[in-house]
Amino acid sequence: MTEQRPKAAGPKPPGRWAAPPRPVWEEEPRRAGLAGKGIALTLACLGVLFPLWIVVVTSLSTKQTISEAGGLVLIPRELTFIAYQELLSGGQVTRATVVSLGVTLVGTLFSMTVSVLSAYGLSRIGSLGHRWFLMILLATMFFGAGLIPTYLLVQSLGLTDTYLALILPSAISVFNILVLRAFFMGISPELTDSARIDGAGDWRILWQVVIPLSRAVIAVITLFYAVGYWSAWFNASIYLSDQDMMPLQNVMIQLVQKQEPPVGLGQAIKAGELSALAVQMAVMVLALLPVAFLSPFVQKHFKKGMLTGAVKG
């Protein structure tokens, strides 16, 4: 029989949820420190989840439950989806949700296209007008024309009462372009040079070399643009006068400020079938759902995308 040799002892590879091994110069954490971190994280989670819990429970509560609670509901009793059914039954809120989704999708696609192209051009040191274009972009971060000149420009271009007024005035973020540029500059020049030797042009290098290596930062910047368009309300309040074109955030402001309720909901509220507070909370939940749904998928890219893009270049 062959003699079995004992396996060499060594550090076990960390599991999926195990903490990474500590460097030799770091001390082991004490129990008091671990307990303090756990308490602090628990309180932080409760501070975030507690208001969200109240909003969701109130939106699902009946008018009688809200009246007995004197306002916001903490402990659920009789749950109902009547507020969401009324909101999504084809009235103004449904139309506003479609408008917000359309503006977010089209605006994010347009902003990312321009930002990626601008960042790639500015990352090529020595390109035509590279330094001047970079200085002009940096100047816009510190100096702005103001609200009145911007409004006059949008009006002179004929963009008022159009959906383009919700996209073009805030389509580009110089900060996002600089983060993308810093990440592109950190890509190894040998990769782009080898692709150029093989006959690839700038468009092919951008599409097949740069973008696949920059998925992390592109995912983060895409989320930034999407959240910005979804949450925007100011441009609609000054550039749009037609209530049918208002996005979801403006309709939510009208409900929170207790102005005239959207068409179709006013009769239900007056008839006693629906609570105005439940409608307000339901609209807030609808406004939070896209961000809450997309954030977990992009969360893993935040550290790699933002920190690497901010340090490089």
C-alpha atoms as a PDB file:
ATOM      1  CA  MET A   1       0.000   0.000   0.000  1.00  0.00           C
ATOM      2  CA  THR A   2       1.201   3.431  -0.844  1.00  0.00           C
ATOM      3  CA  GLU A   3       1.917   5.682   2.055  1.00  0.00           C
ATOM      4  CA  GLN A   4      -0.300   8.753   2.145  1.00  0.00           C
ATOM      5  CA  ARG A   5       1.508  11.940   2.862  1.00  0.00           C
ATOM      6  CA  PRO A   6      -0.163  14.545   5.047  1.00  0.00           C
ATOM      7  CA  LYS A   7      -1.367  17.582   3.185  1.00  0.00           C
ATOM      8  CA  ALA A   8       0.548  20.757   3.716  1.00  0.00           C
ATOM      9  CA  ALA A   9      -1.210  23.108   6.064  1.00  0.00           C
ATOM     10  CA  GLY A  10      -2.019  26.467   4.624  1.00  0.00           C
ATOM     11  CA  PRO A  11      -4.651  29.171   4.579  1.00  0.00           C
ATOM     12  CA  LYS A  12      -7.950  28.017   3.231  1.00  0.00           C
ATOM     13  CA  PRO A  13      -9.366  30.001   0.331  1.00  0.00           C
ATOM     14  CA  PRO A  14     -12.150  32.313   1.464  1.00  0.00           C
ATOM     15  CA  GLY A  15     -15.671  31.220   0.675  1.00  0.00           C
ATOM     16  CA  ARG A  16     -18.192  33.272  -1.192  1.00  0.00           C
ATOM     17  CA  TRP A  17     -19.472  35.079   1.881  1.00  0.00           C
ATOM     18  CA  ALA A  18     -16.296  34.807   3.993  1.00  0.00           C
ATOM     19  CA  ALA A  19     -14.257  37.866   4.780  1.00  0.00           C
ATOM     20  CA  PRO A  20     -10.995  38.220   2.813  1.00  0.00           C
ATOM     21  CA  PRO A  21      -7.801  37.351   4.705  1.00  0.00           C
ATOM     22  CA  ARG A  22      -6.335  40.179   6.751  1.00  0.00           C
ATOM     23  CA  PRO A  23      -2.827  41.489   6.131  1.00  0.00           C
ATOM     24  CA  VAL A  24      -0.238  40.416   8.679  1.00  0.00           C
ATOM     25  CA  TRP A  25       0.143  43.948  10.042  1.00  0.00           C
ATOM     26  CA  GLU A  26      -3.529  44.322  10.941  1.00  0.00           C
ATOM     27  CA  GLU A  27      -4.757  43.311  14.370  1.00  0.00           C
ATOM     28  CA  GLU A  28      -7.692  40.997  14.858  1.00  0.00           C
ATOM     29  CA  PRO A  29     -10.909  42.922  15.531  1.00  0.00           C
ATOM     30  CA  ARG A  30     -12.122  42.962  19.099  1.00  0.00           C
ATOM     31  CA  ARG A  31     -15.570  41.847  20.126  1.00  0.00           C
ATOM     32  CA  ALA A  32     -16.527  45.358  21.213  1.00  0.00           C
ATOM     33  CA  GLY A  33     -15.566  46.730  17.822  1.00  0.00           C
ATOM     34  CA  LEU A  34     -17.503  44.039  15.960  1.00  0.00           C
ATOM     35  CA  ALA A  35     -20.528  44.603  18.178  1.00  0.00           C
ATOM     36  CA  GLY A  36     -20.349  48.374  17.625  1.00  0.00           C
ATOM     37  CA  LYS A  37     -20.148  47.929  13.848  1.00  0.00           C
ATOM     38  CA  GLY A  38     -23.108  45.555  13.924  1.00  0.00           C
ATOM     39  CA  ILE A  39     -25.201  47.965  15.976  1.00  0.00           C
ATOM     40  CA  ALA A  40     -24.282  50.906  13.735  1.00  0.00           C
ATOM     41  CA  LEU A  41     -25.136  48.976  10.550  1.00  0.00           C
ATOM     42  CA  THR A  42     -28.408  47.768  12.063  1.00  0.00           C
ATOM     43  CA  LEU A  43     -29.430  51.310  13.007  1.00  0.00           C
ATOM     44  CA  ALA A  44     -28.484  52.571   9.543  1.00  0.00           C
ATOM     45  CA  CYS A  45     -30.585  49.856   7.870  1.00  0.00           C
ATOM     46  CA  LEU A  46     -33.527  50.606  10.143  1.00  0.00           C
ATOM     47  CA  GLY A  47     -33.209  54.310   9.379  1.00  0.00           C
ATOM     48  CA  VAL A  48     -33.542  53.519   5.669  1.00  0.00           C
ATOM     49  CA  LEU A  49     -36.125  50.733   5.805  1.00  0.00           C
ATOM     50  CA  PHE A  50     -38.434  52.189   8.463  1.00  0.00           C
ATOM     51  CA  PRO A  51     -39.703  55.161   6.370  1.00  0.00           C
ATOM     52  CA  LEU A  52     -39.969  52.889   3.322  1.00  0.00           C
ATOM     53  CA  TRP A  53     -42.031  50.399   5.348  1.00  0.00           C
ATOM     54  CA  ILE A  54     -44.431  53.159   6.438  1.00  0.00           C
ATOM     55  CA  VAL A  55     -44.854  54.406   2.861  1.00  0.00           C
ATOM     56  CA  VAL A  56     -45.582  50.923   1.468  1.00  0.00           C
ATOM     57  CA  VAL A  57     -47.971  49.924   4.290  1.00  0.00           C
ATOM     58  CA  THR A  58     -49.877  53.232   4.057  1.00  0.00           C
ATOM     59  CA  SER A  59     -50.274  52.841   0.296  1.00  0.00           C
ATOM     60  CA  LEU A  60     -51.814  49.390   0.844  1.00  0.00           C
ATOM     61  CA  SER A  61     -54.136  50.433   3.669  1.00  0.00           C
ATOM     62  CA  THR A  62     -57.843  51.186   3.433  1.00  0.00           C
ATOM     63  CA  LYS A  63     -59.303  54.576   4.187  1.00  0.00           C
ATOM     64  CA  GLN A  64     -60.730  53.320   7.496  1.00  0.00           C
ATOM     65  CA  THR A  65     -57.319  52.024   8.627  1.00  0.00           C
ATOM     66  CA  ILE A  66     -55.647  55.334   7.773  1.00  0.00           C
ATOM     67  CA  SER A  67     -58.356  57.248   9.616  1.00  0.00           C
ATOM     68  CA  GLU A  68     -57.980  55.066  12.729  1.00  0.00           C
ATOM     69  CA  ALA A  69     -54.179  55.485  12.639  1.00  0.00           C
ATOM     70  CA  GLY A  70     -54.550  59.251  12.305  1.00  0.00           C
ATOM     71  CA  GLY A  71     -52.369  59.397   9.186  1.00  0.00           C
ATOM     72  CA  LEU A  72     -49.409  57.188   8.353  1.00  0.00           C
ATOM     73  CA  VAL A  73     -49.902  53.509   9.132  1.00  0.00           C
ATOM     74  CA  LEU A  74     -47.185  51.545  10.928  1.00  0.00           C
ATOM     75  CA  ILE A  75     -48.896  48.204  11.607  1.00  0.00           C
ATOM     76  CA  PRO A  76     -50.752  46.723   8.604  1.00  0.00           C
ATOM     77  CA  ARG A  77     -54.342  45.598   9.121  1.00  0.00           C
ATOM     78  CA  GLU A  78     -56.605  45.479   6.084  1.00  0.00           C
ATOM     79  CA  LEU A  79     -54.455  45.544   2.957  1.00  0.00           C
ATOM     80  CA  THR A  80     -55.852  46.513  -0.415  1.00  0.00           C
ATOM     81  CA  PHE A  81     -54.459  47.391  -3.835  1.00  0.00           C
ATOM     82  CA  ILE A  82     -57.226  49.857  -4.693  1.00  0.00           C
ATOM     83  CA  ALA A  83     -54.805  52.811  -4.772  1.00  0.00           C
ATOM     84  CA  TYR A  84     -52.563  51.105  -7.326  1.00  0.00           C
ATOM     85  CA  GLN A  85     -55.547  49.920  -9.347  1.00  0.00           C
ATOM     86  CA  GLU A  86     -56.882  53.447  -9.588  1.00  0.00           C
ATOM     87  CA  LEU A  87     -53.466  54.896 -10.420  1.00  0.00           C
ATOM     88  CA  LEU A  88     -52.778  52.379 -13.191  1.00  0.00           C
ATOM     89  CA  SER A  89     -56.281  52.347 -14.658  1.00  0.00           C
ATOM     90  CA  GLY A  90     -55.360  54.590 -17.574  1.00  0.00           C
ATOM     91  CA  GLY A  91     -55.563  58.070 -16.041  1.00  0.00           C
ATOM     92  CA  GLN A  92     -53.050  60.850 -15.687  1.00  0.00           C
ATOM     93  CA  VAL A  93     -50.699  58.847 -13.458  1.00  0.00           C
ATOM     94  CA  THR A  94     -50.484  56.038 -16.026  1.00  0.00           C
ATOM     95  CA  ARG A  95     -49.734  58.547 -18.768  1.00  0.00           C
ATOM     96  CA  ALA A  96     -47.149  60.293 -16.584  1.00  0.00           C
ATOM     97  CA  THR A  97     -45.446  56.964 -15.860  1.00  0.00           C
ATOM     98  CA  VAL A  98     -45.190  56.221 -19.575  1.00  0.00           C
ATOM     99  CA  VAL A  99     -43.772  59.701 -20.179  1.00  0.00           C
ATOM    100  CA  SER A 100     -41.150  59.237 -17.454  1.00  0.00           C
ATOM    101  CA  LEU A 101     -40.156  55.835 -18.813  1.00  0.00           C
ATOM    102  CA  GLY A 102     -39.848  57.154 -22.364  1.00  0.00           C
ATOM    103  CA  VAL A 103     -37.836  60.205 -21.345  1.00  0.00           C
ATOM    104  CA  THR A 104     -35.562  58.072 -19.164  1.00  0.00           C
ATOM    105  CA  LEU A 105     -34.856  55.493 -21.868  1.00  0.00           C
ATOM    106  CA  VAL A 106     -34.328  57.949 -24.727  1.00  0.00           C
ATOM    107  CA  GLY A 107     -32.447  60.475 -22.598  1.00  0.00           C
ATOM    108  CA  THR A 108     -30.121  57.884 -21.067  1.00  0.00           C
ATOM    109  CA  LEU A 109     -29.306  56.416 -24.489  1.00  0.00           C
ATOM    110  CA  PHE A 110     -28.587  59.873 -25.935  1.00  0.00           C
ATOM    111  CA  SER A 111     -26.532  61.007 -22.938  1.00  0.00           C
ATOM    112  CA  MET A 112     -24.453  57.839 -22.828  1.00  0.00           C
ATOM    113  CA  THR A 113     -23.755  57.979 -26.565  1.00  0.00           C
ATOM    114  CA  VAL A 114     -22.524  61.570 -26.417  1.00  0.00           C
ATOM    115  CA  SER A 115     -20.616  61.043 -23.158  1.00  0.00           C
ATOM    116  CA  VAL A 116     -18.789  57.917 -24.348  1.00  0.00           C
ATOM    117  CA  LEU A 117     -17.831  59.517 -27.672  1.00  0.00           C
ATOM    118  CA  SER A 118     -16.675  62.712 -25.960  1.00  0.00           C
ATOM    119  CA  ALA A 119     -14.712  60.846 -23.298  1.00  0.00           C
ATOM    120  CA  TYR A 120     -13.004  58.623 -25.873  1.00  0.00           C
ATOM    121  CA  GLY A 121     -12.016  61.605 -28.002  1.00  0.00           C
ATOM    122  CA  LEU A 122     -10.663  63.496 -24.999  1.00  0.00           C
ATOM    123  CA  SER A 123      -8.745  60.434 -23.798  1.00  0.00           C
ATOM    124  CA  ARG A 124      -6.659  60.372 -26.992  1.00  0.00           C
ATOM    125  CA  ILE A 125      -3.797  62.683 -26.023  1.00  0.00           C
ATOM    126  CA  GLY A 126      -2.608  64.736 -28.962  1.00  0.00           C
ATOM    127  CA  SER A 127      -5.868  64.615 -30.911  1.00  0.00           C
ATOM    128  CA  LEU A 128      -7.075  67.720 -32.734  1.00  0.00           C
ATOM    129  CA  GLY A 129      -8.193  70.396 -30.271  1.00  0.00           C
ATOM    130  CA  HIS A 130      -7.890  68.011 -27.329  1.00  0.00           C
ATOM    131  CA  ARG A 131      -6.680  70.581 -24.794  1.00  0.00           C
ATOM    132  CA  TRP A 132      -9.095  73.337 -25.875  1.00  0.00           C
ATOM    133  CA  PHE A 133     -12.165  71.117 -25.770  1.00  0.00           C
ATOM    134  CA  LEU A 134     -11.137  69.834 -22.341  1.00  0.00           C
ATOM    135  CA  MET A 135     -10.711  73.373 -20.995  1.00  0.00           C
ATOM    136  CA  ILE A 136     -14.111  74.413 -22.376  1.00  0.00           C
ATOM    137  CA  LEU A 137     -15.792  71.455 -20.677  1.00  0.00           C
ATOM    138  CA  LEU A 138     -14.058  72.207 -17.385  1.00  0.00           C
ATOM    139  CA  ALA A 139     -15.144  75.859 -17.582  1.00  0.00           C
ATOM    140  CA  THR A 140     -18.812  74.831 -17.780  1.00  0.00           C
ATOM    141  CA  MET A 141     -18.466  73.112 -14.388  1.00  0.00           C
ATOM    142  CA  PHE A 142     -17.683  76.417 -12.670  1.00  0.00           C
ATOM    143  CA  PHE A 143     -19.513  78.992 -14.785  1.00  0.00           C
ATOM    144  CA  GLY A 144     -23.146  78.828 -15.933  1.00  0.00           C
ATOM    145  CA  ALA A 145     -25.376  81.178 -17.874  1.00  0.00           C
ATOM    146  CA  GLY A 146     -28.225  80.972 -15.378  1.00  0.00           C
ATOM    147  CA  LEU A 147     -31.882  80.078 -15.554  1.00  0.00           C
ATOM    148  CA  ILE A 148     -33.197  83.004 -17.614  1.00  0.00           C
ATOM    149  CA  PRO A 149     -30.673  82.728 -20.498  1.00  0.00           C
ATOM    150  CA  THR A 150     -31.185  78.975 -20.544  1.00  0.00           C
ATOM    151  CA  TYR A 151     -34.945  79.384 -20.748  1.00  0.00           C
ATOM    152  CA  LEU A 152     -34.616  81.953 -23.539  1.00  0.00           C
ATOM    153  CA  LEU A 153     -32.330  79.592 -25.455  1.00  0.00           C
ATOM    154  CA  VAL A 154     -34.775  76.688 -25.126  1.00  0.00           C
ATOM    155  CA  GLN A 155     -37.626  78.983 -26.172  1.00  0.00           C
ATOM    156  CA  SER A 156     -35.746  80.340 -29.179  1.00  0.00           C
ATOM    157  CA  LEU A 157     -35.036  76.790 -30.350  1.00  0.00           C
ATOM    158  CA  GLY A 158     -38.751  75.983 -30.206  1.00  0.00           C
ATOM    159  CA  LEU A 159     -38.334  73.262 -27.591  1.00  0.00           C
ATOM    160  CA  THR A 160     -40.948  74.499 -25.116  1.00  0.00           C
ATOM    161  CA  ASP A 161     -43.944  72.159 -24.721  1.00  0.00           C
ATOM    162  CA  THR A 162     -41.937  69.334 -26.294  1.00  0.00           C
ATOM    163  CA  TYR A 163     -40.363  66.265 -24.749  1.00  0.00           C
ATOM    164  CA  LEU A 164     -36.955  67.370 -26.024  1.00  0.00           C
ATOM    165  CA  ALA A 165     -37.047  70.089 -23.374  1.00  0.00           C
ATOM    166  CA  LEU A 166     -36.873  67.329 -20.776  1.00  0.00           C
ATOM    167  CA  ILE A 167     -33.743  65.797 -22.353  1.00  0.00           C
ATOM    168  CA  LEU A 168     -31.489  68.310 -24.126  1.00  0.00           C
ATOM    169  CA  PRO A 169     -30.973  71.006 -21.427  1.00  0.00           C
ATOM    170  CA  SER A 170     -29.560  68.446 -18.985  1.00  0.00           C
ATOM    171  CA  ALA A 171     -28.334  65.775 -21.380  1.00  0.00           C
ATOM    172  CA  ILE A 172     -24.618  66.045 -20.642  1.00  0.00           C
ATOM    173  CA  SER A 173     -22.775  65.884 -17.327  1.00  0.00           C
ATOM    174  CA  VAL A 174     -19.163  67.035 -17.507  1.00  0.00           C
ATOM    175  CA  PHE A 175     -18.363  65.101 -14.344  1.00  0.00           C
ATOM    176  CA  ASN A 176     -19.510  61.850 -15.950  1.00  0.00           C
ATOM    177  CA  ILE A 177     -17.452  62.592 -19.070  1.00  0.00           C
ATOM    178  CA  LEU A 178     -14.345  63.176 -16.961  1.00  0.00           C
ATOM    179  CA  VAL A 179     -14.867  59.902 -15.080  1.00  0.00           C
ATOM    180  CA  LEU A 180     -15.223  58.011 -18.371  1.00  0.00           C
ATOM    181  CA  ARG A 181     -12.175  59.796 -19.805  1.00  0.00           C
ATOM    182  CA  ALA A 182     -10.048  58.873 -16.783  1.00  0.00           C
ATOM    183  CA  PHE A 183     -11.089  55.229 -17.103  1.00  0.00           C
ATOM    184  CA  PHE A 184     -10.398  55.149 -20.853  1.00  0.00           C
ATOM    185  CA  MET A 185      -6.949  56.640 -20.290  1.00  0.00           C
ATOM    186  CA  GLY A 186      -6.172  53.843 -17.827  1.00  0.00           C
ATOM    187  CA  ILE A 187      -6.620  51.164 -20.494  1.00  0.00           C
ATOM    188  CA  SER A 188      -3.278  49.729 -21.593  1.00  0.00           C
ATOM    189  CA  PRO A 189      -2.043  51.483 -24.753  1.00  0.00           C
ATOM    190  CA  GLU A 190      -0.641  48.173 -26.022  1.00  0.00           C
ATOM    191  CA  LEU A 191      -4.187  46.889 -26.572  1.00  0.00           C
ATOM    192  CA  THR A 192      -5.260  49.823 -28.733  1.00  0.00           C
ATOM    193  CA  ASP A 193      -1.918  49.913 -30.552  1.00  0.00           C
ATOM    194  CA  SER A 194      -2.119  46.215 -31.421  1.00  0.00           C
ATOM    195  CA  ALA A 195      -5.670  46.675 -32.680  1.00  0.00           C
ATOM    196  CA  ARG A 196      -4.555  49.618 -34.800  1.00  0.00           C
ATOM    197  CA  ILE A 197      -1.691  47.552 -36.257  1.00  0.00           C
ATOM    198  CA  ASP A 198      -4.247  44.905 -37.241  1.00  0.00           C
ATOM    199  CA  GLY A 199      -6.090  47.563 -39.238  1.00  0.00           C
ATOM    200  CA  ALA A 200      -8.811  48.616 -36.804  1.00  0.00           C
ATOM    201  CA  GLY A 201      -9.982  52.210 -36.859  1.00  0.00           C
ATOM    202  CA  ASP A 202     -11.107  54.377 -33.977  1.00  0.00           C
ATOM    203  CA  TRP A 203     -14.745  53.249 -34.205  1.00  0.00           C
ATOM    204  CA  ARG A 204     -13.793  49.572 -34.100  1.00  0.00           C
ATOM    205  CA  ILE A 205     -11.304  50.130 -31.263  1.00  0.00           C
ATOM    206  CA  LEU A 206     -13.949  51.943 -29.253  1.00  0.00           C
ATOM    207  CA  TRP A 207     -16.618  49.314 -29.853  1.00  0.00           C
ATOM    208  CA  GLN A 208     -14.555  46.107 -29.581  1.00  0.00           C
ATOM    209  CA  VAL A 209     -11.707  47.079 -27.220  1.00  0.00           C
ATOM    210  CA  VAL A 210     -12.519  50.086 -25.053  1.00  0.00           C
ATOM    211  CA  ILE A 211     -16.210  49.521 -24.285  1.00  0.00           C
ATOM    212  CA  PRO A 212     -15.869  45.805 -23.316  1.00  0.00           C
ATOM    213  CA  LEU A 213     -13.076  46.734 -20.893  1.00  0.00           C
ATOM    214  CA  SER A 214     -15.129  49.602 -19.428  1.00  0.00           C
ATOM    215  CA  ARG A 215     -18.371  47.821 -18.593  1.00  0.00           C
ATOM    216  CA  ALA A 216     -18.116  48.667 -14.900  1.00  0.00           C
ATOM    217  CA  VAL A 217     -17.809  52.428 -15.284  1.00  0.00           C
ATOM    218  CA  ILE A 218     -20.323  52.482 -18.147  1.00  0.00           C
ATOM    219  CA  ALA A 219     -22.873  50.660 -15.985  1.00  0.00           C
ATOM    220  CA  VAL A 220     -22.396  53.160 -13.149  1.00  0.00           C
ATOM    221  CA  ILE A 221     -22.644  56.241 -15.386  1.00  0.00           C
ATOM    222  CA  THR A 222     -25.713  54.762 -17.095  1.00  0.00           C
ATOM    223  CA  LEU A 223     -27.378  54.410 -13.700  1.00  0.00           C
ATOM    224  CA  PHE A 224     -26.478  58.009 -12.839  1.00  0.00           C
ATOM    225  CA  TYR A 225     -28.078  59.311 -16.026  1.00  0.00           C
ATOM    226  CA  ALA A 226     -31.140  57.077 -15.681  1.00  0.00           C
ATOM    227  CA  VAL A 227     -31.790  58.111 -12.080  1.00  0.00           C
ATOM    228  CA  GLY A 228     -31.295  61.748 -13.036  1.00  0.00           C
ATOM    229  CA  TYR A 229     -33.869  61.592 -15.836  1.00  0.00           C
ATOM    230  CA  TRP A 230     -36.326  59.557 -13.770  1.00  0.00           C
ATOM    231  CA  SER A 231     -36.148  61.941 -10.805  1.00  0.00           C
ATOM    232  CA  ALA A 232     -36.101  65.188 -12.815  1.00  0.00           C
ATOM    233  CA  TRP A 233     -39.034  67.529 -12.349  1.00  0.00           C
ATOM    234  CA  PHE A 234     -37.668  71.067 -12.664  1.00  0.00           C
ATOM    235  CA  ASN A 235     -37.366  71.165 -16.458  1.00  0.00           C
ATOM    236  CA  ALA A 236     -40.951  69.969 -16.852  1.00  0.00           C
ATOM    237  CA  SER A 237     -42.216  72.622 -14.440  1.00  0.00           C
ATOM    238  CA  ILE A 238     -40.717  75.505 -16.438  1.00  0.00           C
ATOM    239  CA  TYR A 239     -40.739  74.213 -20.023  1.00  0.00           C
ATOM    240  CA  LEU A 240     -44.093  72.387 -20.145  1.00  0.00           C
ATOM    241  CA  SER A 241     -47.562  73.877 -19.766  1.00  0.00           C
ATOM    242  CA  ASP A 242     -49.633  70.882 -20.918  1.00  0.00           C
ATOM    243  CA  GLN A 243     -50.611  68.692 -17.949  1.00  0.00           C
ATOM    244  CA  ASP A 244     -50.876  65.638 -20.202  1.00  0.00           C
ATOM    245  CA  MET A 245     -47.136  65.858 -20.921  1.00  0.00           C
ATOM    246  CA  MET A 246     -46.035  66.025 -17.287  1.00  0.00           C
ATOM    247  CA  PRO A 247     -43.784  63.198 -16.009  1.00  0.00           C
ATOM    248  CA  LEU A 248     -44.494  61.159 -12.909  1.00  0.00           C
ATOM    249  CA  GLN A 249     -42.421  63.299 -10.546  1.00  0.00           C
ATOM    250  CA  ASN A 250     -44.484  66.412 -11.302  1.00  0.00           C
ATOM    251  CA  VAL A 251     -47.735  64.531 -10.737  1.00  0.00           C
ATOM    252  CA  MET A 252     -46.355  63.316  -7.416  1.00  0.00           C
ATOM    253  CA  ILE A 253     -45.516  66.909  -6.432  1.00  0.00           C
ATOM    254  CA  GLN A 254     -49.092  67.939  -7.187  1.00  0.00           C
ATOM    255  CA  LEU A 255     -50.412  65.169  -4.961  1.00  0.00           C
ATOM    256  CA  VAL A 256     -48.008  65.867  -2.101  1.00  0.00           C
ATOM    257  CA  GLN A 257     -48.812  69.583  -2.198  1.00  0.00           C
ATOM    258  CA  LYS A 258     -52.519  68.648  -2.048  1.00  0.00           C
ATOM    259  CA  GLN A 259     -53.360  70.393  -5.266  1.00  0.00           C
ATOM    260  CA  GLU A 260     -56.074  69.219  -7.653  1.00  0.00           C
ATOM    261  CA  PRO A 261     -55.848  65.396  -7.799  1.00  0.00           C
ATOM    262  CA  PRO A 262     -55.257  63.718 -11.167  1.00  0.00           C
ATOM    263  CA  VAL A 263     -58.183  63.075 -13.455  1.00  0.00           C
ATOM    264  CA  GLY A 264     -60.107  59.965 -12.362  1.00  0.00           C
ATOM    265  CA  LEU A 265     -58.854  59.978  -8.785  1.00  0.00           C
ATOM    266  CA  GLY A 266     -60.710  63.060  -7.614  1.00  0.00           C
ATOM    267  CA  GLN A 267     -64.096  61.378  -7.869  1.00  0.00           C
ATOM    268  CA  ALA A 268     -62.897  58.262  -6.036  1.00  0.00           C
ATOM    269  CA  ILE A 269     -61.450  60.376  -3.216  1.00  0.00           C
ATOM    270  CA  LYS A 270     -64.594  62.491  -2.897  1.00  0.00           C
ATOM    271  CA  ALA A 271     -66.795  59.390  -2.921  1.00  0.00           C
ATOM    272  CA  GLY A 272     -64.907  57.992   0.060  1.00  0.00           C
ATOM    273  CA  GLU A 273     -63.610  54.938  -1.794  1.00  0.00           C
ATOM    274  CA  LEU A 274     -59.987  56.035  -1.653  1.00  0.00           C
ATOM    275  CA  SER A 275     -57.791  57.933   0.764  1.00  0.00           C
ATOM    276  CA  ALA A 276     -55.771  60.838  -0.603  1.00  0.00           C
ATOM    277  CA  LEU A 277     -52.859  59.847   1.651  1.00  0.00           C
ATOM    278  CA  ALA A 278     -52.859  56.299   0.224  1.00  0.00           C
ATOM    279  CA  VAL A 279     -52.698  57.756  -3.283  1.00  0.00           C
ATOM    280  CA  GLN A 280     -49.724  59.949  -2.340  1.00  0.00           C
ATOM    281  CA  MET A 281     -47.854  56.997  -0.859  1.00  0.00           C
ATOM    282  CA  ALA A 282     -48.686  54.772  -3.862  1.00  0.00           C
ATOM    283  CA  VAL A 283     -47.276  57.351  -6.274  1.00  0.00           C
ATOM    284  CA  MET A 284     -44.093  57.512  -4.183  1.00  0.00           C
ATOM    285  CA  VAL A 285     -43.762  53.732  -4.370  1.00  0.00           C
ATOM    286  CA  LEU A 286     -44.189  53.817  -8.150  1.00  0.00           C
ATOM    287  CA  ALA A 287     -41.490  56.483  -8.376  1.00  0.00           C
ATOM    288  CA  LEU A 288     -39.082  54.406  -6.236  1.00  0.00           C
ATOM    289  CA  LEU A 289     -39.580  51.047  -7.953  1.00  0.00           C
ATOM    290  CA  PRO A 290     -37.284  51.500 -11.012  1.00  0.00           C
ATOM    291  CA  VAL A 291     -34.379  52.790  -8.927  1.00  0.00           C
ATOM    292  CA  ALA A 292     -34.827  50.067  -6.310  1.00  0.00           C
ATOM    293  CA  PHE A 293     -34.963  47.443  -9.071  1.00  0.00           C
ATOM    294  CA  LEU A 294     -31.857  48.589 -10.976  1.00  0.00           C
ATOM    295  CA  SER A 295     -29.567  49.460  -8.073  1.00  0.00           C
ATOM    296  CA  PRO A 296     -28.753  45.867  -6.953  1.00  0.00           C
ATOM    297  CA  PHE A 297     -27.643  44.927 -10.474  1.00  0.00           C
ATOM    298  CA  VAL A 298     -25.238  47.876 -10.709  1.00  0.00           C
ATOM    299  CA  GLN A 299     -24.094  47.891  -7.081  1.00  0.00           C
ATOM    300  CA  LYS A 300     -21.206  45.492  -7.736  1.00  0.00           C
ATOM    301  CA  HIS A 301     -19.767  47.884 -10.346  1.00  0.00           C
ATOM    302  CA  PHE A 302     -19.697  50.976  -8.100  1.00  0.00           C
ATOM    303  CA  LYS A 303     -16.353  50.312  -6.427  1.00  0.00           C
ATOM    304  CA  LYS A 304     -14.572  49.190  -9.571  1.00  0.00           C
ATOM    305  CA  GLY A 305     -16.162  51.766 -11.837  1.00  0.00           C
ATOM    306  CA  MET A 306     -16.158  54.943  -9.784  1.00  0.00           C
ATOM    307  CA  LEU A 307     -12.989  54.512  -7.709  1.00  0.00           C
ATOM    308  CA  THR A 308     -10.878  53.233 -10.598  1.00  0.00           C
ATOM    309  CA  GLY A 309     -12.215  55.906 -12.931  1.00  0.00           C
ATOM    310  CA  ALA A 310     -11.584  58.633 -10.375  1.00  0.00           C
ATOM    311  CA  VAL A 311      -8.017  57.549  -9.529  1.00  0.00           C
ATOM    312  CA  LYS A 312      -6.726  56.801 -13.011  1.00  0.00           C
ATOM    313  CA  GLY A 313      -5.726  59.646 -15.304  1.00  0.00           C
END
